Amino acid sequence: MGYVLRVRFAAFFAGAAVASAGGLYLLHKDYQTAHHALSHQMNDVYESLNGRISTLERLKEADAAKHVEATE
């Protein structure tokens, strides 16, 4: 009886270890996917914001040039 119980415990713990490893793999893959999506989203926001800032700077420079021409 003791031998069968040890075999069952060993099989149970081996199965639990395999299931745990599979679960950790899926969690890691999900984490990587979420990280990639957020990184891509933040890059898009950065690009958009950078474009807006560049446009505002060009408008400011053009406005300053017009103001200098008007005062001359």
PDB file of N, CA and C in Angstrom:
ATOM      1  N   MET A   1       0.819  -1.189   0.000  1.00  0.00           N
ATOM      2  CA  MET A   1       0.000   0.000   0.000  1.00  0.00           C
ATOM      3  C   MET A   1       0.874   1.268   0.000  1.00  0.00           C
ATOM      4  N   GLY A   2       1.967   1.237   0.717  1.00  0.00           N
ATOM      5  CA  GLY A   2       2.837   2.400   0.797  1.00  0.00           C
ATOM      6  C   GLY A   2       3.473   2.730  -0.540  1.00  0.00           C
ATOM      7  N   TYR A   3       3.814   1.694  -1.298  1.00  0.00           N
ATOM      8  CA  TYR A   3       4.436   1.919  -2.601  1.00  0.00           C
ATOM      9  C   TYR A   3       3.458   2.579  -3.559  1.00  0.00           C
ATOM     10  N   VAL A   4       2.222   2.097  -3.599  1.00  0.00           N
ATOM     11  CA  VAL A   4       1.203   2.650  -4.496  1.00  0.00           C
ATOM     12  C   VAL A   4       0.916   4.107  -4.124  1.00  0.00           C
ATOM     13  N   LEU A   5       0.869   4.388  -2.827  1.00  0.00           N
ATOM     14  CA  LEU A   5       0.619   5.754  -2.377  1.00  0.00           C
ATOM     15  C   LEU A   5       1.758   6.681  -2.812  1.00  0.00           C
ATOM     16  N   ARG A   6       2.998   6.216  -2.700  1.00  0.00           N
ATOM     17  CA  ARG A   6       4.140   7.018  -3.136  1.00  0.00           C
ATOM     18  C   ARG A   6       4.110   7.260  -4.642  1.00  0.00           C
ATOM     19  N   VAL A   7       3.715   6.264  -5.412  1.00  0.00           N
ATOM     20  CA  VAL A   7       3.616   6.420  -6.868  1.00  0.00           C
ATOM     21  C   VAL A   7       2.529   7.431  -7.212  1.00  0.00           C
ATOM     22  N   ARG A   8       1.405   7.357  -6.505  1.00  0.00           N
ATOM     23  CA  ARG A   8       0.326   8.306  -6.763  1.00  0.00           C
ATOM     24  C   ARG A   8       0.744   9.728  -6.401  1.00  0.00           C
ATOM     25  N   PHE A   9       1.420   9.892  -5.256  1.00  0.00           N
ATOM     26  CA  PHE A   9       1.912  11.208  -4.873  1.00  0.00           C
ATOM     27  C   PHE A   9       2.903  11.734  -5.907  1.00  0.00           C
ATOM     28  N   ALA A  10       3.796  10.878  -6.364  1.00  0.00           N
ATOM     29  CA  ALA A  10       4.785  11.289  -7.359  1.00  0.00           C
ATOM     30  C   ALA A  10       4.094  11.711  -8.657  1.00  0.00           C
ATOM     31  N   ALA A  11       3.100  10.953  -9.077  1.00  0.00           N
ATOM     32  CA  ALA A  11       2.372  11.294 -10.295  1.00  0.00           C
ATOM     33  C   ALA A  11       1.604  12.600 -10.113  1.00  0.00           C
ATOM     34  N   PHE A  12       1.000  12.774  -8.936  1.00  0.00           N
ATOM     35  CA  PHE A  12       0.260  14.007  -8.661  1.00  0.00           C
ATOM     36  C   PHE A  12       1.193  15.213  -8.701  1.00  0.00           C
ATOM     37  N   PHE A  13       2.329  15.124  -8.014  1.00  0.00           N
ATOM     38  CA  PHE A  13       3.245  16.255  -7.981  1.00  0.00           C
ATOM     39  C   PHE A  13       3.900  16.515  -9.337  1.00  0.00           C
ATOM     40  N   ALA A  14       4.127  15.459 -10.097  1.00  0.00           N
ATOM     41  CA  ALA A  14       4.663  15.653 -11.453  1.00  0.00           C
ATOM     42  C   ALA A  14       3.636  16.368 -12.320  1.00  0.00           C
ATOM     43  N   GLY A  15       2.389  15.966 -12.214  1.00  0.00           N
ATOM     44  CA  GLY A  15       1.325  16.630 -12.966  1.00  0.00           C
ATOM     45  C   GLY A  15       1.156  18.081 -12.534  1.00  0.00           C
ATOM     46  N   ALA A  16       1.230  18.309 -11.221  1.00  0.00           N
ATOM     47  CA  ALA A  16       1.109  19.679 -10.711  1.00  0.00           C
ATOM     48  C   ALA A  16       2.278  20.539 -11.211  1.00  0.00           C
ATOM     49  N   ALA A  17       3.468  19.974 -11.275  1.00  0.00           N
ATOM     50  CA  ALA A  17       4.630  20.721 -11.755  1.00  0.00           C
ATOM     51  C   ALA A  17       4.481  21.055 -13.242  1.00  0.00           C
ATOM     52  N   VAL A  18       4.001  20.110 -14.028  1.00  0.00           N
ATOM     53  CA  VAL A  18       3.815  20.359 -15.460  1.00  0.00           C
ATOM     54  C   VAL A  18       2.727  21.415 -15.670  1.00  0.00           C
ATOM     55  N   ALA A  19       1.627  21.300 -14.928  1.00  0.00           N
ATOM     56  CA  ALA A  19       0.554  22.295 -15.056  1.00  0.00           C
ATOM     57  C   ALA A  19       1.034  23.674 -14.615  1.00  0.00           C
ATOM     58  N   SER A  20       1.831  23.719 -13.563  1.00  0.00           N
ATOM     59  CA  SER A  20       2.372  24.998 -13.092  1.00  0.00           C
ATOM     60  C   SER A  20       3.299  25.613 -14.130  1.00  0.00           C
ATOM     61  N   ALA A  21       4.143  24.801 -14.720  1.00  0.00           N
ATOM     62  CA  ALA A  21       5.054  25.304 -15.757  1.00  0.00           C
ATOM     63  C   ALA A  21       4.268  25.816 -16.959  1.00  0.00           C
ATOM     64  N   GLY A  22       3.243  25.086 -17.356  1.00  0.00           N
ATOM     65  CA  GLY A  22       2.398  25.535 -18.474  1.00  0.00           C
ATOM     66  C   GLY A  22       1.690  26.835 -18.149  1.00  0.00           C
ATOM     67  N   GLY A  23       1.177  26.955 -16.934  1.00  0.00           N
ATOM     68  CA  GLY A  23       0.508  28.182 -16.523  1.00  0.00           C
ATOM     69  C   GLY A  23       1.459  29.364 -16.493  1.00  0.00           C
ATOM     70  N   LEU A  24       2.665  29.139 -15.981  1.00  0.00           N
ATOM     71  CA  LEU A  24       3.659  30.218 -15.958  1.00  0.00           C
ATOM     72  C   LEU A  24       4.056  30.635 -17.366  1.00  0.00           C
ATOM     73  N   TYR A  25       4.148  29.677 -18.270  1.00  0.00           N
ATOM     74  CA  TYR A  25       4.465  29.999 -19.662  1.00  0.00           C
ATOM     75  C   TYR A  25       3.369  30.869 -20.274  1.00  0.00           C
ATOM     76  N   LEU A  26       2.097  30.490 -20.044  1.00  0.00           N
ATOM     77  CA  LEU A  26       0.993  31.272 -20.584  1.00  0.00           C
ATOM     78  C   LEU A  26       0.944  32.669 -19.973  1.00  0.00           C
ATOM     79  N   LEU A  27       1.200  32.776 -18.665  1.00  0.00           N
ATOM     80  CA  LEU A  27       1.232  34.089 -18.028  1.00  0.00           C
ATOM     81  C   LEU A  27       2.355  34.954 -18.584  1.00  0.00           C
ATOM     82  N   HIS A  28       3.523  34.337 -18.800  1.00  0.00           N
ATOM     83  CA  HIS A  28       4.662  35.070 -19.353  1.00  0.00           C
ATOM     84  C   HIS A  28       4.344  35.556 -20.770  1.00  0.00           C
ATOM     85  N   LYS A  29       3.745  34.702 -21.575  1.00  0.00           N
ATOM     86  CA  LYS A  29       3.384  35.072 -22.939  1.00  0.00           C
ATOM     87  C   LYS A  29       2.341  36.193 -22.933  1.00  0.00           C
ATOM     88  N   ASP A  30       1.364  36.111 -22.032  1.00  0.00           N
ATOM     89  CA  ASP A  30       0.353  37.150 -21.908  1.00  0.00           C
ATOM     90  C   ASP A  30       0.991  38.463 -21.474  1.00  0.00           C
ATOM     91  N   TYR A  31       1.929  38.392 -20.542  1.00  0.00           N
ATOM     92  CA  TYR A  31       2.641  39.589 -20.082  1.00  0.00           C
ATOM     93  C   TYR A  31       3.409  40.234 -21.235  1.00  0.00           C
ATOM     94  N   GLN A  32       4.093  39.424 -22.024  1.00  0.00           N
ATOM     95  CA  GLN A  32       4.847  39.960 -23.155  1.00  0.00           C
ATOM     96  C   GLN A  32       3.926  40.619 -24.175  1.00  0.00           C
ATOM     97  N   THR A  33       2.791  40.000 -24.445  1.00  0.00           N
ATOM     98  CA  THR A  33       1.834  40.561 -25.395  1.00  0.00           C
ATOM     99  C   THR A  33       1.300  41.895 -24.899  1.00  0.00           C
ATOM    100  N   ALA A  34       0.943  41.956 -23.615  1.00  0.00           N
ATOM    101  CA  ALA A  34       0.429  43.199 -23.042  1.00  0.00           C
ATOM    102  C   ALA A  34       1.501  44.282 -23.032  1.00  0.00           C
ATOM    103  N   HIS A  35       2.726  43.912 -22.700  1.00  0.00           N
ATOM    104  CA  HIS A  35       3.824  44.877 -22.685  1.00  0.00           C
ATOM    105  C   HIS A  35       4.074  45.432 -24.087  1.00  0.00           C
ATOM    106  N   HIS A  36       4.056  44.555 -25.071  1.00  0.00           N
ATOM    107  CA  HIS A  36       4.272  44.990 -26.454  1.00  0.00           C
ATOM    108  C   HIS A  36       3.152  45.928 -26.896  1.00  0.00           C
ATOM    109  N   ALA A  37       1.906  45.601 -26.558  1.00  0.00           N
ATOM    110  CA  ALA A  37       0.775  46.439 -26.954  1.00  0.00           C
ATOM    111  C   ALA A  37       0.868  47.818 -26.294  1.00  0.00           C
ATOM    112  N   LEU A  38       1.187  47.859 -25.012  1.00  0.00           N
ATOM    113  CA  LEU A  38       1.307  49.144 -24.317  1.00  0.00           C
ATOM    114  C   LEU A  38       2.486  49.956 -24.853  1.00  0.00           C
ATOM    115  N   SER A  39       3.584  49.280 -25.128  1.00  0.00           N
ATOM    116  CA  SER A  39       4.748  49.964 -25.677  1.00  0.00           C
ATOM    117  C   SER A  39       4.421  50.577 -27.032  1.00  0.00           C
ATOM    118  N   HIS A  40       3.736  49.824 -27.877  1.00  0.00           N
ATOM    119  CA  HIS A  40       3.345  50.312 -29.197  1.00  0.00           C
ATOM    120  C   HIS A  40       2.381  51.497 -29.049  1.00  0.00           C
ATOM    121  N   GLN A  41       1.439  51.402 -28.126  1.00  0.00           N
ATOM    122  CA  GLN A  41       0.479  52.477 -27.900  1.00  0.00           C
ATOM    123  C   GLN A  41       1.188  53.741 -27.403  1.00  0.00           C
ATOM    124  N   MET A  42       2.136  53.582 -26.495  1.00  0.00           N
ATOM    125  CA  MET A  42       2.867  54.744 -25.994  1.00  0.00           C
ATOM    126  C   MET A  42       3.740  55.364 -27.082  1.00  0.00           C
ATOM    127  N   ASN A  43       4.316  54.544 -27.953  1.00  0.00           N
ATOM    128  CA  ASN A  43       5.092  55.086 -29.077  1.00  0.00           C
ATOM    129  C   ASN A  43       4.204  55.902 -30.002  1.00  0.00           C
ATOM    130  N   ASP A  44       2.976  55.420 -30.255  1.00  0.00           N
ATOM    131  CA  ASP A  44       2.043  56.172 -31.092  1.00  0.00           C
ATOM    132  C   ASP A  44       1.683  57.507 -30.445  1.00  0.00           C
ATOM    133  N   VAL A  45       1.447  57.490 -29.145  1.00  0.00           N
ATOM    134  CA  VAL A  45       1.128  58.732 -28.431  1.00  0.00           C
ATOM    135  C   VAL A  45       2.315  59.683 -28.487  1.00  0.00           C
ATOM    136  N   TYR A  46       3.513  59.165 -28.293  1.00  0.00           N
ATOM    137  CA  TYR A  46       4.719  59.992 -28.346  1.00  0.00           C
ATOM    138  C   TYR A  46       4.894  60.613 -29.723  1.00  0.00           C
ATOM    139  N   GLU A  47       4.702  59.810 -30.763  1.00  0.00           N
ATOM    140  CA  GLU A  47       4.840  60.320 -32.134  1.00  0.00           C
ATOM    141  C   GLU A  47       3.812  61.428 -32.394  1.00  0.00           C
ATOM    142  N   SER A  48       2.583  61.213 -31.971  1.00  0.00           N
ATOM    143  CA  SER A  48       1.534  62.212 -32.161  1.00  0.00           C
ATOM    144  C   SER A  48       1.864  63.495 -31.405  1.00  0.00           C
ATOM    145  N   LEU A  49       2.264  63.350 -30.156  1.00  0.00           N
ATOM    146  CA  LEU A  49       2.603  64.516 -29.347  1.00  0.00           C
ATOM    147  C   LEU A  49       3.816  65.248 -29.918  1.00  0.00           C
ATOM    148  N   ASN A  50       4.792  64.499 -30.361  1.00  0.00           N
ATOM    149  CA  ASN A  50       5.981  65.110 -30.960  1.00  0.00           C
ATOM    150  C   ASN A  50       5.616  65.888 -32.218  1.00  0.00           C
ATOM    151  N   GLY A  51       4.721  65.356 -33.033  1.00  0.00           N
ATOM    152  CA  GLY A  51       4.257  66.065 -34.228  1.00  0.00           C
ATOM    153  C   GLY A  51       3.517  67.336 -33.875  1.00  0.00           C
ATOM    154  N   ARG A  52       2.677  67.279 -32.863  1.00  0.00           N
ATOM    155  CA  ARG A  52       1.935  68.467 -32.445  1.00  0.00           C
ATOM    156  C   ARG A  52       2.883  69.550 -31.929  1.00  0.00           C
ATOM    157  N   ILE A  53       3.861  69.146 -31.142  1.00  0.00           N
ATOM    158  CA  ILE A  53       4.823  70.112 -30.607  1.00  0.00           C
ATOM    159  C   ILE A  53       5.625  70.748 -31.737  1.00  0.00           C
ATOM    160  N   SER A  54       6.034  69.953 -32.705  1.00  0.00           N
ATOM    161  CA  SER A  54       6.786  70.486 -33.849  1.00  0.00           C
ATOM    162  C   SER A  54       5.943  71.492 -34.626  1.00  0.00           C
ATOM    163  N   THR A  55       4.666  71.179 -34.831  1.00  0.00           N
ATOM    164  CA  THR A  55       3.777  72.098 -35.535  1.00  0.00           C
ATOM    165  C   THR A  55       3.618  73.403 -34.766  1.00  0.00           C
ATOM    166  N   LEU A  56       3.437  73.304 -33.449  1.00  0.00           N
ATOM    167  CA  LEU A  56       3.310  74.512 -32.634  1.00  0.00           C
ATOM    168  C   LEU A  56       4.582  75.348 -32.663  1.00  0.00           C
ATOM    169  N   GLU A  57       5.733  74.692 -32.638  1.00  0.00           N
ATOM    170  CA  GLU A  57       6.992  75.439 -32.704  1.00  0.00           C
ATOM    171  C   GLU A  57       7.143  76.149 -34.038  1.00  0.00           C
ATOM    172  N   ARG A  58       6.769  75.495 -35.130  1.00  0.00           N
ATOM    173  CA  ARG A  58       6.835  76.140 -36.452  1.00  0.00           C
ATOM    174  C   ARG A  58       5.884  77.330 -36.515  1.00  0.00           C
ATOM    175  N   LEU A  59       4.663  77.165 -35.968  1.00  0.00           N
ATOM    176  CA  LEU A  59       3.711  78.274 -35.953  1.00  0.00           C
ATOM    177  C   LEU A  59       4.237  79.440 -35.119  1.00  0.00           C
ATOM    178  N   LYS A  60       4.876  79.119 -33.996  1.00  0.00           N
ATOM    179  CA  LYS A  60       5.427  80.159 -33.130  1.00  0.00           C
ATOM    180  C   LYS A  60       6.544  80.905 -33.850  1.00  0.00           C
ATOM    181  N   GLU A  61       7.416  80.180 -34.546  1.00  0.00           N
ATOM    182  CA  GLU A  61       8.494  80.817 -35.295  1.00  0.00           C
ATOM    183  C   GLU A  61       7.942  81.693 -36.417  1.00  0.00           C
ATOM    184  N   ALA A  62       6.916  81.192 -37.110  1.00  0.00           N
ATOM    185  CA  ALA A  62       6.320  81.981 -38.195  1.00  0.00           C
ATOM    186  C   ALA A  62       5.652  83.222 -37.631  1.00  0.00           C
ATOM    187  N   ASP A  63       4.978  83.089 -36.490  1.00  0.00           N
ATOM    188  CA  ASP A  63       4.329  84.232 -35.855  1.00  0.00           C
ATOM    189  C   ASP A  63       5.363  85.254 -35.381  1.00  0.00           C
ATOM    190  N   ALA A  64       6.470  84.768 -34.859  1.00  0.00           N
ATOM    191  CA  ALA A  64       7.540  85.673 -34.413  1.00  0.00           C
ATOM    192  C   ALA A  64       8.145  86.402 -35.599  1.00  0.00           C
ATOM    193  N   ALA A  65       8.315  85.732 -36.726  1.00  0.00           N
ATOM    194  CA  ALA A  65       8.865  86.361 -37.930  1.00  0.00           C
ATOM    195  C   ALA A  65       7.911  87.436 -38.447  1.00  0.00           C
ATOM    196  N   LYS A  66       6.603  87.152 -38.427  1.00  0.00           N
ATOM    197  CA  LYS A  66       5.628  88.160 -38.856  1.00  0.00           C
ATOM    198  C   LYS A  66       5.644  89.348 -37.906  1.00  0.00           C
ATOM    199  N   HIS A  67       5.803  89.091 -36.622  1.00  0.00           N
ATOM    200  CA  HIS A  67       5.813  90.165 -35.639  1.00  0.00           C
ATOM    201  C   HIS A  67       7.050  91.052 -35.835  1.00  0.00           C
ATOM    202  N   VAL A  68       8.195  90.427 -36.160  1.00  0.00           N
ATOM    203  CA  VAL A  68       9.428  91.186 -36.400  1.00  0.00           C
ATOM    204  C   VAL A  68       9.281  92.027 -37.660  1.00  0.00           C
ATOM    205  N   GLU A  69       8.664  91.489 -38.719  1.00  0.00           N
ATOM    206  CA  GLU A  69       8.456  92.231 -39.964  1.00  0.00           C
ATOM    207  C   GLU A  69       7.502  93.397 -39.739  1.00  0.00           C
ATOM    208  N   ALA A  70       6.507  93.209 -38.902  1.00  0.00           N
ATOM    209  CA  ALA A  70       5.530  94.260 -38.644  1.00  0.00           C
ATOM    210  C   ALA A  70       6.149  95.417 -37.870  1.00  0.00           C
ATOM    211  N   THR A  71       7.105  95.122 -36.988  1.00  0.00           N
ATOM    212  CA  THR A  71       7.710  96.173 -36.196  1.00  0.00           C
ATOM    213  C   THR A  71       8.782  96.940 -36.963  1.00  0.00           C
ATOM    214  N   GLU A  72       9.272  96.418 -38.074  1.00  0.00           N
ATOM    215  CA  GLU A  72      10.329  97.101 -38.846  1.00  0.00           C
ATOM    216  C   GLU A  72       9.797  98.158 -39.700  1.00  0.00           C
TER     217      GLU A  72
END
